[in-house]
Each structure stands twice: as C-alpha cells, then as structure tokens.
Protein backbone atom coordinates (compact mmCIF):
# COMPACT_ATOMS: atom_id res chain seq x y z
CA UNK A 1 -0.02 0.00 -0.07
CA UNK A 2 1.34 3.38 -0.90
CA UNK A 3 1.86 6.31 1.57
CA UNK A 4 -0.91 8.32 -0.14
CA UNK A 5 -3.28 5.46 0.52
CA UNK A 6 -2.32 5.35 4.18
CA UNK A 7 -2.93 8.87 4.51
CA UNK A 8 -6.31 8.73 2.58
CA UNK A 9 -7.53 5.95 5.15
CA UNK A 10 -6.52 8.09 8.10
CA UNK A 11 -8.50 11.04 6.69
CA UNK A 12 -11.48 8.80 5.72
CA UNK A 13 -11.65 7.65 9.58
CA UNK A 14 -11.50 11.07 10.58
CA UNK A 15 -14.35 12.08 8.56
CA UNK A 16 -16.46 9.25 9.52
CA UNK A 17 -16.13 10.00 13.17
CA UNK A 18 -16.65 13.80 12.52
CA UNK A 19 -20.00 12.79 11.46
CA UNK A 20 -20.56 11.20 15.06
CA UNK A 21 -19.74 8.20 17.10
CA UNK A 22 -19.16 4.70 15.35
CA UNK A 23 -18.45 1.29 15.88
CA UNK A 24 -15.39 -0.63 14.18
CA UNK A 25 -17.90 -2.18 11.83
CA UNK A 26 -19.41 1.11 10.83
CA UNK A 27 -15.82 2.23 10.18
CA UNK A 28 -15.02 -0.88 8.31
CA UNK A 29 -18.13 -0.64 5.99
CA UNK A 30 -17.55 3.00 5.37
CA UNK A 31 -13.85 2.38 4.33
CA UNK A 32 -14.98 -0.40 2.08
CA UNK A 33 -17.77 1.67 0.28
CA UNK A 34 -15.00 4.53 -0.27
CA UNK A 35 -12.67 1.93 -1.81
CA UNK A 36 -15.04 1.22 -4.34
CA UNK A 37 -15.25 4.93 -5.22
CA UNK A 38 -11.80 5.49 -5.31
CA UNK A 39 -10.61 2.42 -6.86
CA UNK A 40 -8.22 1.43 -4.11
CA UNK A 41 -8.05 -1.25 -1.17
CA UNK A 42 -8.80 0.59 2.09
CA UNK A 43 -10.09 -2.15 4.07
CA UNK A 44 -8.44 -2.88 7.37
CA UNK A 45 -8.30 -5.29 10.50
CA UNK A 46 -9.06 -4.37 13.97
CA UNK A 47 -5.10 -4.69 14.61
CA UNK A 48 -4.35 -2.45 11.87
CA UNK A 49 -7.10 -0.03 12.81
CA UNK A 50 -5.40 0.21 16.26
CA UNK A 51 -2.08 1.16 14.42
CA UNK A 52 -4.08 3.66 12.57
CA UNK A 53 -5.21 5.58 15.70
CA UNK A 54 -1.69 5.96 17.01
CA UNK A 55 -0.73 7.59 13.49
CA UNK A 56 -3.70 9.97 13.31
CA UNK A 57 -2.66 10.86 17.00
CA UNK A 58 0.74 11.66 15.93
CA UNK A 59 -0.08 13.41 12.35
CA UNK A 60 -3.42 15.12 13.25
CA UNK A 61 -2.89 15.64 17.12
CA UNK A 62 -6.48 14.20 17.77
CA UNK A 63 -7.33 11.45 20.22
CA UNK A 64 -10.03 8.98 18.93
CA UNK A 65 -11.43 7.34 22.43
CA UNK A 66 -13.07 4.11 22.51
CA UNK A 67 -16.05 3.73 24.84
CA UNK A 68 -16.12 0.11 26.07
CA UNK A 69 -19.79 0.12 27.35
CA UNK A 70 -21.08 1.24 24.00
CA UNK A 71 -18.23 -0.11 22.02
CA UNK A 72 -17.93 3.03 19.73
CA UNK A 73 -15.07 5.27 18.94
CA UNK A 74 -15.42 9.25 19.02
CA UNK A 75 -13.13 12.24 18.59
CA UNK A 76 -12.25 13.58 21.68
CA UNK A 77 -10.59 16.90 21.11
CA UNK A 78 -13.03 18.92 19.64
CA UNK A 79 -11.38 22.22 19.87
CA UNK A 80 -8.95 21.22 16.93
CA UNK A 81 -11.92 20.12 14.63
CA UNK A 82 -11.54 23.49 12.62
CA UNK A 83 -7.67 22.86 12.05
CA UNK A 84 -8.45 19.17 11.31
CA UNK A 85 -11.07 20.31 8.85
CA UNK A 86 -8.77 22.39 6.88
CA UNK A 87 -6.02 19.55 6.84
CA UNK A 88 -8.73 17.17 5.28
CA UNK A 89 -9.96 19.66 3.00
CA UNK A 90 -6.37 20.35 1.67
CA UNK A 91 -5.69 16.20 1.28
CA UNK A 92 -9.20 15.99 -0.31
CA UNK A 93 -7.94 18.68 -3.10
CA UNK A 94 -4.83 16.86 -3.16
CA UNK A 95 -6.34 13.69 -3.91
CA UNK A 96 -8.74 14.86 -6.64
CA UNK A 97 -5.87 16.67 -8.58
CA UNK A 98 -4.20 13.30 -8.68
CA UNK A 99 -6.91 11.73 -10.52
CA UNK A 100 -5.95 12.37 -13.91
CA UNK A 101 -3.13 14.31 -15.64
CA UNK A 102 -4.86 16.88 -17.79
CA UNK A 103 -7.32 18.77 -15.53
CA UNK A 104 -7.70 22.02 -17.50
CA UNK A 105 -11.31 20.92 -18.93
CA UNK A 106 -12.60 19.85 -15.41
CA UNK A 107 -11.16 22.38 -12.92
CA UNK A 108 -11.27 26.22 -13.22
CA UNK A 109 -9.15 27.92 -10.79
CA UNK A 110 -9.66 31.48 -9.54
CA UNK A 111 -6.61 33.59 -10.85
CA UNK A 112 -4.95 35.21 -7.81
CA UNK A 113 -1.78 36.40 -6.45
CA UNK A 114 -0.13 34.01 -3.91
CA UNK A 115 -1.33 34.34 -0.42
CA UNK A 116 2.17 34.43 1.22
CA UNK A 117 1.53 31.05 2.70
CA UNK A 118 5.45 30.35 1.91
CA UNK A 119 6.14 32.35 5.16
CA UNK A 120 3.44 30.39 7.14
CA UNK A 121 5.82 28.04 8.96
CA UNK A 122 8.37 30.49 9.67
CA UNK A 123 6.04 32.93 11.15
CA UNK A 124 4.20 30.04 13.16
CA UNK A 125 7.67 29.05 14.56
CA UNK A 126 8.39 32.63 15.67
CA UNK A 127 4.99 32.99 17.19
CA UNK A 128 5.48 29.71 19.32
CA UNK A 129 9.16 30.60 20.29
CA UNK A 130 8.26 34.38 20.80
CA UNK A 131 11.03 35.59 18.31
CA UNK A 132 10.85 38.94 16.84
CA UNK A 133 10.60 39.10 12.76
CA UNK A 134 11.80 41.84 10.33
CA UNK A 135 10.34 42.46 7.01
CA UNK A 136 10.04 45.18 4.48
CA UNK A 137 6.38 46.28 4.14
CA UNK A 138 4.46 48.46 1.65
CA UNK A 139 1.04 49.60 2.96
CA UNK A 140 -1.46 50.38 0.00
CA UNK A 141 -2.06 53.75 1.05
CA UNK A 142 1.77 54.63 1.16
CA UNK A 143 4.45 55.04 -1.53
CA UNK A 144 7.71 54.04 0.28
CA UNK A 145 8.55 50.74 1.71
CA UNK A 146 9.35 50.66 5.48
CA UNK A 147 11.41 48.20 7.51
CA UNK A 148 9.40 46.59 10.30
CA UNK A 149 10.45 44.76 13.52
CA UNK A 150 7.39 42.98 14.83
CA UNK A 151 6.27 40.82 17.71
CA UNK A 152 4.17 38.06 15.79
CA UNK A 153 0.96 37.01 18.11
CA UNK A 154 -1.14 35.23 15.42
CA UNK A 155 -2.32 34.50 12.15
CA UNK A 156 -5.86 35.34 11.00
CA UNK A 157 -7.55 34.61 7.75
CA UNK A 158 -10.23 36.76 6.17
CA UNK A 159 -11.72 36.35 2.38
CA UNK A 160 -9.14 33.98 1.27
CA UNK A 161 -6.23 35.97 2.55
CA UNK A 162 -3.88 35.55 5.22
CA UNK A 163 -2.85 38.26 7.77
CA UNK A 164 -0.32 38.35 10.58
CA UNK A 165 -1.35 40.31 13.85
CA UNK A 166 1.79 41.64 15.44
CA UNK A 167 2.86 44.56 17.67
CA UNK A 168 4.88 46.70 15.57
CA UNK A 169 7.84 47.99 17.75
CA UNK A 170 8.09 51.41 15.65
CA UNK A 171 4.92 52.67 17.72
CA UNK A 172 3.96 49.52 19.83
CA UNK A 173 0.72 49.45 17.93
CA UNK A 174 -1.05 46.27 17.47
CA UNK A 175 -1.42 45.79 13.62
CA UNK A 176 -2.39 43.36 10.68
CA UNK A 177 0.05 42.78 7.90
CA UNK A 178 -0.98 40.87 4.76
CA UNK A 179 1.26 37.75 4.25
CA UNK A 180 1.04 38.51 0.52
CA UNK A 181 2.99 41.56 0.94
CA UNK A 182 5.75 40.06 3.28
CA UNK A 183 8.36 38.90 0.64
CA UNK A 184 11.62 38.99 2.63
CA UNK A 185 10.98 37.57 6.25
CA UNK A 186 14.06 37.69 8.48
CA UNK A 187 13.93 35.60 11.68
CA UNK A 188 15.83 37.35 14.53
CA UNK A 189 17.16 35.96 17.63
CA UNK A 190 15.47 38.55 19.69
CA UNK A 191 12.88 37.26 22.22
CA UNK A 192 9.99 38.94 23.19
CA UNK A 193 7.36 38.74 26.03
CA UNK A 194 4.06 37.51 25.45
CA UNK A 195 1.18 39.90 26.41
CA UNK A 196 -0.97 39.00 29.29
CA UNK A 197 -4.24 37.45 28.55
CA UNK A 198 -3.77 37.67 24.80
CA UNK A 199 -6.22 35.62 22.69
CA UNK A 200 -6.74 36.36 19.09
CA UNK A 201 -9.93 34.58 19.00
CA UNK A 202 -11.40 36.79 21.78
CA UNK A 203 -9.71 39.91 20.18
CA UNK A 204 -11.71 39.52 16.97
CA UNK A 205 -14.81 37.84 18.41
CA UNK A 206 -17.02 40.83 17.92
CA UNK A 207 -15.57 42.22 14.99
CA UNK A 208 -15.99 41.33 11.20
CA UNK A 209 -12.73 41.26 9.24
CA UNK A 210 -9.32 42.31 10.11
CA UNK A 211 -9.79 45.52 11.49
CA UNK A 212 -9.82 45.87 15.27
CA UNK A 213 -10.87 49.19 16.36
CA UNK A 214 -10.73 50.05 20.00
CA UNK A 215 -12.74 53.21 19.63
CA UNK A 216 -15.93 51.54 18.49
CA UNK A 217 -18.65 50.34 20.70
CA UNK A 218 -20.42 47.03 20.55
CA UNK A 219 -23.86 47.70 18.54
CA UNK A 220 -26.72 45.32 17.89
CA UNK A 221 -27.22 45.41 14.05
CA UNK A 222 -30.61 44.36 12.41
CA UNK A 223 -30.32 43.60 8.81
CA UNK A 224 -33.21 42.60 6.28
CA UNK A 225 -32.44 40.73 3.07
CA UNK A 226 -34.81 39.56 0.53
CA UNK A 227 -35.92 35.97 0.60
CA UNK A 228 -33.34 34.70 -2.00
CA UNK A 229 -30.37 36.29 -0.58
CA UNK A 230 -31.67 35.26 2.86
CA UNK A 231 -31.03 31.56 2.03
CA UNK A 232 -27.36 32.11 1.50
CA UNK A 233 -27.19 34.35 5.02
CA UNK A 234 -28.69 31.76 6.56
CA UNK A 235 -26.53 29.05 5.19
CA UNK A 236 -23.27 31.33 5.56
CA UNK A 237 -23.60 33.80 8.37
CA UNK A 238 -21.94 37.12 8.38
CA UNK A 239 -20.76 36.81 11.97
CA UNK A 240 -20.99 34.19 14.60
CA UNK A 241 -23.46 36.23 16.65
CA UNK A 242 -25.95 36.29 13.95
CA UNK A 243 -29.31 35.23 14.88
CA UNK A 244 -32.55 34.82 12.45
CA UNK A 245 -35.49 36.94 14.01
CA UNK A 246 -37.63 36.71 11.03
CA UNK A 247 -38.03 34.60 8.22
CA UNK A 248 -40.78 34.24 5.72
CA UNK A 249 -41.47 34.25 1.91
CA UNK A 250 -40.76 38.09 1.51
CA UNK A 251 -37.66 38.78 3.82
CA UNK A 252 -35.26 37.49 6.23
CA UNK A 253 -34.09 39.40 9.22
CA UNK A 254 -30.97 38.75 11.39
CA UNK A 255 -29.33 40.47 14.30
CA UNK A 256 -25.63 40.73 14.83
CA UNK A 257 -23.74 42.00 17.77
CA UNK A 258 -20.44 43.70 16.74
CA UNK A 259 -18.21 46.68 16.40
CA UNK A 260 -19.32 48.51 13.09
CA UNK A 261 -16.04 48.75 11.24
CA UNK A 262 -14.99 49.72 7.49
CA UNK A 263 -14.66 45.94 6.79
CA UNK A 264 -18.30 45.58 7.73
CA UNK A 265 -19.69 48.48 5.78
CA UNK A 266 -18.06 47.28 2.73
CA UNK A 267 -19.50 43.78 3.07
CA UNK A 268 -23.23 45.27 3.39
CA UNK A 269 -22.31 47.41 0.26
CA UNK A 270 -21.50 44.33 -1.57
CA UNK A 271 -25.09 43.12 -1.14
CA UNK A 272 -26.58 46.03 -2.99
CA UNK A 273 -30.41 46.44 -3.08
CA UNK A 274 -30.71 42.98 -1.61
CA UNK A 275 -30.14 44.36 1.86
CA UNK A 276 -31.69 46.91 4.01
CA UNK A 277 -30.19 48.31 7.25
CA UNK A 278 -32.91 48.43 10.12
CA UNK A 279 -30.83 49.50 12.78
CA UNK A 280 -28.70 51.26 14.22
CA UNK A 281 -29.59 54.60 12.41
CA UNK A 282 -25.84 55.62 12.32
CA UNK A 283 -25.45 52.68 10.04
CA UNK A 284 -28.33 53.33 7.98
CA UNK A 285 -27.18 56.95 7.36
CA UNK A 286 -23.51 55.84 6.52
CA UNK A 287 -24.65 53.27 4.03
CA UNK A 288 -27.26 55.88 2.59
CA UNK A 289 -24.18 58.56 2.47
CA UNK A 290 -21.95 55.82 0.66
CA UNK A 291 -24.78 55.23 -2.13
CA UNK A 292 -25.34 59.01 -2.59
CA UNK A 293 -21.68 59.53 -3.11
CA UNK A 294 -21.37 56.70 -5.58
CA UNK A 295 -24.28 58.06 -7.56
CA UNK A 296 -22.48 61.61 -7.80
CA UNK A 297 -20.03 59.70 -9.69
CA UNK A 298 -22.31 58.75 -12.48
CA UNK A 299 -23.73 62.31 -12.74
CA UNK A 300 -20.49 64.02 -14.22
C-alpha cells in the first residue's frame, strides 16, 4: 500500500468520526464503500485500525477514544476540529488533483496572487518561540517601503487572504500585515515577552474582518434581506453572533452584535439592493451616504 493510501485511510476515518460516534464495523464498512469509489483497497483489520489510531494521533494531534460500554469510537479533542477540517480539505484537493494528468477541462481555478503562505511555517515558528521578525512592508496607502520589526502574535484568515497580527515595535501598535506583501522575512534571535491575557479569538470575536478598532462600541445590528439572499445568509452567516429574528417568503431579518468597522460596511454594500439596514440609525445613514456619493460619480 502506498503512503498516499495510508494517509487517505486516516483522513476517511476522521471524516467518518466527525459525523458522529461509530463502531469498528461502521468504520470498516465506510472504508469498503469508499474503496469502491476511489478504486483502491482501504479495508482494515482491527489490529491495523489500532495502529491507525496511533498514527492519527501523531499526524493530526487528535485523540480517538473508545467507549467500552457502548463499543463506539469518537473524536475526543473537538477544539481542534476546525484545524483538522482544513487539513482534510487540503488532502481532499490533493487527492482529487491526482486523478488525472490533464485537469484543464474539469477544474477552473480563480486567478489570484499568491497568499504568502510560503512564510506560514516560519511565522508560526516565531509565534511559538516568541521571536521578533523583520521584513520590508508596503502599505496600500503609502508609496515607500518601510522596515518593520514586529512581535508576531497570531495568523488570521479573511476572505481567502492571510494576515499576521503583530505588535509593531515602531510605535507599539497592534497591527495586521498581509502575508502576500511580506516578501523578505527575516527571523531574528531577539525574544519578546508574550502579552498577558492575549487571545486572538477573543480579540476578534466581536469584529468582522481584520480591522480591530478600540474606539468603536459594541452595537446590535438588524439587517433585512430579500428571501433569495436570505437563504445564503442563513447557510453562510455574516458573523458568529448572527441570529435569525424573522424568516418568511418575503424577507429574512437577522441580528448581529459587533463593532461596526470599515470591513463590515464594505461587506453590506456588496449586497447592493438585496439588503436593508434596519438599525442602528448611524449605520443606516452611513450606508445611505455611501450610495449617494457613488451616484454622484455617474452624474459628472
């Protein structure tokens, strides 16, 4: 059996257990069905399955526990399910791209710039080991490149791009830097002290996007979408705080609790006439003013 098939079997075991608890027979039957679809032999014995559990623990850092009374297996470490899901998605893509040599007629990729993930490992290393990094950086609104010495704290994804959250030693400000604009990463030997009570998830919990503005108050936002757009909003929420407060054949209303930032306003504008801001009034006025200014561009 090739290494690829071993890894494929591990990923399928995890996929099955992500759906819920399962007996060994459930998992074995699932692997047999997938073997037919993938045209390879993924069947296993109980002894091989036990070895697989050890490999999964080493590779994915996930513990699969066995309940002796109910004779079922389950994923114990749910906190890492998002990371594991991304790893499985990446392997699914890798496996799909190995099906045939010529993919041009079957897969259409979005044309985009590199996301800067070539620096991903190096930055993660520095975050874990508290090492200051240095790189030249050009902001979109500036014309000159400046050298930055920063304390890296976390990596954040937004709209298909990756950003570094770090403290800029130039002014001690907490800033975000696009990984696609970090070209010459230098890892220094200088250590920094980790900030007390820092938690990236908590920091951005009440924000949409990458802009974290301390001068913005937390506000309740109510939005009304037409019934068609409402289906998408329900299946792909704008924010983790989103709650549906009205849903009928004409409209879908949702309520969100967040800090209103530039990123959030731009997201609302992207829906055009399919969304209406119900509250707060300040957001209604800001959106209306933006539309008025846009119309002026076409009257010249």
